[in-house]
C-alpha atoms as a PDB file:
ATOM      1  CA  MET A   1     -26.441  -4.480 -14.481  1.00  0.00           C
ATOM      2  CA  PHE A   2     -23.664  -2.738 -12.672  1.00  0.00           C
ATOM      3  CA  ARG A   3     -20.501  -1.084 -14.186  1.00  0.00           C
ATOM      4  CA  LYS A   4     -17.096  -2.074 -12.579  1.00  0.00           C
ATOM      5  CA  SER A   5     -16.965   1.394 -10.734  1.00  0.00           C
ATOM      6  CA  GLU A   6     -20.520   0.642  -9.111  1.00  0.00           C
ATOM      7  CA  VAL A   7     -19.494  -2.853  -8.052  1.00  0.00           C
ATOM      8  CA  ALA A   8     -16.316  -1.527  -6.273  1.00  0.00           C
ATOM      9  CA  GLU A   9     -18.390   1.093  -4.638  1.00  0.00           C
ATOM     10  CA  ARG A  10     -20.926  -1.457  -3.332  1.00  0.00           C
ATOM     11  CA  LEU A  11     -18.303  -3.709  -2.085  1.00  0.00           C
ATOM     12  CA  ALA A  12     -15.937  -1.005  -0.780  1.00  0.00           C
ATOM     13  CA  ILE A  13     -12.975  -2.265  -2.835  1.00  0.00           C
ATOM     14  CA  SER A  14     -11.053  -1.025  -5.501  1.00  0.00           C
ATOM     15  CA  GLU A  15     -11.697  -1.512  -9.156  1.00  0.00           C
ATOM     16  CA  ASP A  16      -8.464  -3.250  -9.311  1.00  0.00           C
ATOM     17  CA  THR A  17      -9.831  -5.916  -7.051  1.00  0.00           C
ATOM     18  CA  VAL A  18     -13.028  -5.934  -8.894  1.00  0.00           C
ATOM     19  CA  ASP A  19     -10.771  -6.857 -11.844  1.00  0.00           C
ATOM     20  CA  ARG A  20      -9.016  -9.674 -10.089  1.00  0.00           C
ATOM     21  CA  LEU A  21     -12.410 -11.210  -8.775  1.00  0.00           C
ATOM     22  CA  ILE A  22     -13.561 -11.108 -12.489  1.00  0.00           C
ATOM     23  CA  ALA A  23     -10.430 -12.854 -13.536  1.00  0.00           C
ATOM     24  CA  ALA A  24     -10.560 -15.400 -10.756  1.00  0.00           C
ATOM     25  CA  GLY A  25     -14.199 -16.333 -11.708  1.00  0.00           C
ATOM     26  CA  ASP A  26     -15.539 -14.915  -8.643  1.00  0.00           C
ATOM     27  CA  LEU A  27     -17.745 -12.429 -10.577  1.00  0.00           C
ATOM     28  CA  GLN A  28     -19.301 -13.046 -13.903  1.00  0.00           C
ATOM     29  CA  THR A  29     -19.559 -10.578 -16.688  1.00  0.00           C
ATOM     30  CA  LEU A  30     -22.276  -9.847 -19.071  1.00  0.00           C
ATOM     31  CA  ARG A  31     -19.694 -10.017 -22.197  1.00  0.00           C
ATOM     32  CA  PRO A  32     -16.281 -11.265 -22.458  1.00  0.00           C
ATOM     33  CA  ARG A  33     -13.572  -8.652 -21.111  1.00  0.00           C
ATOM     34  CA  LYS A  34     -12.030  -6.647 -24.188  1.00  0.00           C
ATOM     35  CA  ARG A  35     -10.125  -3.503 -24.320  1.00  0.00           C
ATOM     36  CA  GLY A  36     -12.270  -0.395 -24.635  1.00  0.00           C
ATOM     37  CA  VAL A  37     -15.502  -2.458 -23.632  1.00  0.00           C
ATOM     38  CA  VAL A  38     -17.586  -1.416 -20.446  1.00  0.00           C
ATOM     39  CA  VAL A  39     -17.470  -4.174 -17.865  1.00  0.00           C
ATOM     40  CA  GLN A  40     -20.873  -5.188 -16.710  1.00  0.00           C
ATOM     41  CA  VAL A  41     -21.559  -7.387 -14.001  1.00  0.00           C
ATOM     42  CA  PRO A  42     -25.090  -8.892 -13.711  1.00  0.00           C
ATOM     43  CA  ALA A  43     -27.014  -8.274 -10.386  1.00  0.00           C
ATOM     44  CA  ALA A  44     -27.417 -12.085  -9.971  1.00  0.00           C
ATOM     45  CA  SER A  45     -23.486 -12.516 -10.161  1.00  0.00           C
ATOM     46  CA  LEU A  46     -23.000  -9.717  -7.514  1.00  0.00           C
ATOM     47  CA  ARG A  47     -25.614 -11.100  -5.300  1.00  0.00           C
ATOM     48  CA  ALA A  48     -24.113 -14.616  -5.548  1.00  0.00           C
ATOM     49  CA  TYR A  49     -20.738 -13.277  -4.508  1.00  0.00           C
ATOM     50  CA  ILE A  50     -21.989 -11.328  -1.607  1.00  0.00           C
ATOM     51  CA  TYR A  51     -24.186 -14.268  -0.146  1.00  0.00           C
ATOM     52  CA  GLY A  52     -22.078 -17.042  -1.232  1.00  0.00           C
ATOM     53  CA  GLU A  53     -24.644 -18.606  -3.639  1.00  0.00           C
END
Protein backbone atom coordinates (compact mmCIF):
# COMPACT_ATOMS: atom_id res chain seq x y z
CA MET A 1 0.00 0.00 0.00
CA PHE A 2 1.38 3.39 -0.97
CA ARG A 3 0.30 6.91 -0.06
CA LYS A 4 -0.12 9.43 -2.85
CA SER A 5 3.21 11.09 -2.00
CA GLU A 6 5.02 7.74 -2.19
CA VAL A 7 3.47 6.98 -5.59
CA ALA A 8 4.54 10.41 -6.85
CA GLU A 9 8.09 9.82 -5.61
CA ARG A 10 8.34 6.34 -7.15
CA LEU A 11 7.06 7.55 -10.53
CA ALA A 12 9.00 10.85 -10.37
CA ILE A 13 5.83 12.86 -10.95
CA SER A 14 3.87 15.42 -8.93
CA GLU A 15 1.04 14.57 -6.55
CA ASP A 16 -1.28 16.52 -8.88
CA THR A 17 -0.36 14.12 -11.67
CA VAL A 18 -1.09 11.17 -9.36
CA ASP A 19 -4.54 12.73 -8.76
CA ARG A 20 -5.07 12.92 -12.53
CA LEU A 21 -4.05 9.26 -12.97
CA ILE A 22 -6.51 8.25 -10.26
CA ALA A 23 -9.29 10.36 -11.78
CA ALA A 24 -8.62 8.84 -15.21
CA GLY A 25 -8.81 5.32 -13.75
CA ASP A 26 -5.16 4.53 -14.52
CA LEU A 27 -4.46 3.98 -10.80
CA GLN A 28 -6.89 2.37 -8.39
CA THR A 29 -7.30 3.39 -4.75
CA LEU A 30 -8.18 1.32 -1.72
CA ARG A 31 -11.17 3.50 -0.83
CA PRO A 32 -13.18 6.04 -2.79
CA ARG A 33 -11.52 9.45 -2.68
CA LYS A 34 -13.06 11.76 -0.09
CA ARG A 35 -11.92 14.98 1.46
CA GLY A 36 -9.83 14.29 4.56
CA VAL A 37 -9.23 10.62 3.74
CA VAL A 38 -5.68 9.48 3.01
CA VAL A 39 -5.37 8.20 -0.56
CA GLN A 40 -3.88 4.70 -0.60
CA VAL A 41 -2.84 2.97 -3.81
CA PRO A 42 -2.46 -0.82 -3.67
CA ALA A 43 0.91 -2.17 -4.80
CA ALA A 44 -0.84 -4.28 -7.47
CA SER A 45 -2.37 -1.15 -9.01
CA LEU A 46 0.97 0.64 -9.10
CA ARG A 47 2.67 -2.41 -10.61
CA ALA A 48 -0.06 -2.72 -13.26
CA TYR A 49 0.39 0.94 -14.21
CA ILE A 50 4.19 0.68 -14.42
CA TYR A 51 4.28 -2.58 -16.38
CA GLY A 52 1.09 -2.09 -18.40
CA GLU A 53 -0.64 -5.15 -16.98
